[in-house]
Structure formats: structure tokens, C-alpha cells
Amino acid sequence: MLKSFMTHLNNCGIVLASKSSRRKRILEEIVGLKFEVIPSRFEED
């Protein structure tokens, strides 16, 4: 069930609106998501 959900998410075109290298690494390496990084113009806190 989780594998089919991950396949669905990877086909959706996810955008990570963050410059955080830690978030990027977690999503790529640990979760296994494919996404595009488009940093937000707003300050992250």
C-alpha cells in the first residue's frame, strides 16, 4: 500500500519550496521522494 502511494506521489510533480539542505536530503534519501526545488522568496524561520 505504501509503495503504491509513493509511486503516486512521485508522479504528481512535487515542489519543495525551501532552501533547506536538510529537508531536501530527508525527502530524497530517507523518504525516497522525487521533487523539484523552487526556493521560497520568504524568509524561513
Protein backbone atom coordinates (compact mmCIF):
# COMPACT_ATOMS: atom_id res chain seq x y z
CA MET A 1 0.00 0.00 0.00
CA LEU A 2 2.74 2.47 0.94
CA LYS A 3 4.75 1.63 -2.18
CA SER A 4 1.80 2.44 -4.47
CA PHE A 5 1.24 5.70 -2.57
CA MET A 6 4.91 6.67 -3.01
CA THR A 7 4.68 5.88 -6.72
CA HIS A 8 1.61 8.11 -6.94
CA LEU A 9 3.40 10.96 -5.12
CA ASN A 10 6.46 10.67 -7.36
CA ASN A 11 4.21 11.02 -10.42
CA CYS A 12 2.49 14.16 -9.08
CA GLY A 13 5.27 16.70 -9.61
CA ILE A 14 6.04 17.76 -6.04
CA VAL A 15 7.71 21.13 -5.39
CA LEU A 16 9.87 21.73 -2.32
CA ALA A 17 9.65 25.47 -1.63
CA SER A 18 12.62 25.51 0.74
CA LYS A 19 16.36 26.10 0.55
CA SER A 20 16.92 23.72 3.46
CA SER A 21 19.52 21.13 2.51
CA ARG A 22 18.38 19.01 5.45
CA ARG A 23 14.75 18.88 4.22
CA LYS A 24 15.97 18.06 0.71
CA ARG A 25 18.18 15.23 2.00
CA ILE A 26 15.41 13.77 4.17
CA LEU A 27 12.91 13.74 1.32
CA GLU A 28 15.39 12.35 -1.22
CA GLU A 29 17.42 9.83 0.75
CA ILE A 30 15.20 8.74 3.61
CA VAL A 31 11.68 9.09 2.21
CA GLY A 32 12.61 8.48 -1.44
CA LEU A 33 10.53 11.25 -3.00
CA LYS A 34 11.32 12.87 -6.32
CA PHE A 35 10.70 16.60 -6.41
CA GLU A 36 11.76 19.94 -7.83
CA VAL A 37 13.32 22.58 -5.56
CA ILE A 38 11.98 26.10 -6.05
CA PRO A 39 13.12 28.17 -3.05
CA SER A 40 10.55 30.45 -1.45
CA ARG A 41 11.14 34.19 -1.61
CA PHE A 42 10.01 34.47 2.01
CA GLU A 43 12.40 34.13 4.93
CA GLU A 44 12.33 30.72 6.57
CA ASP A 45 12.31 30.54 10.36
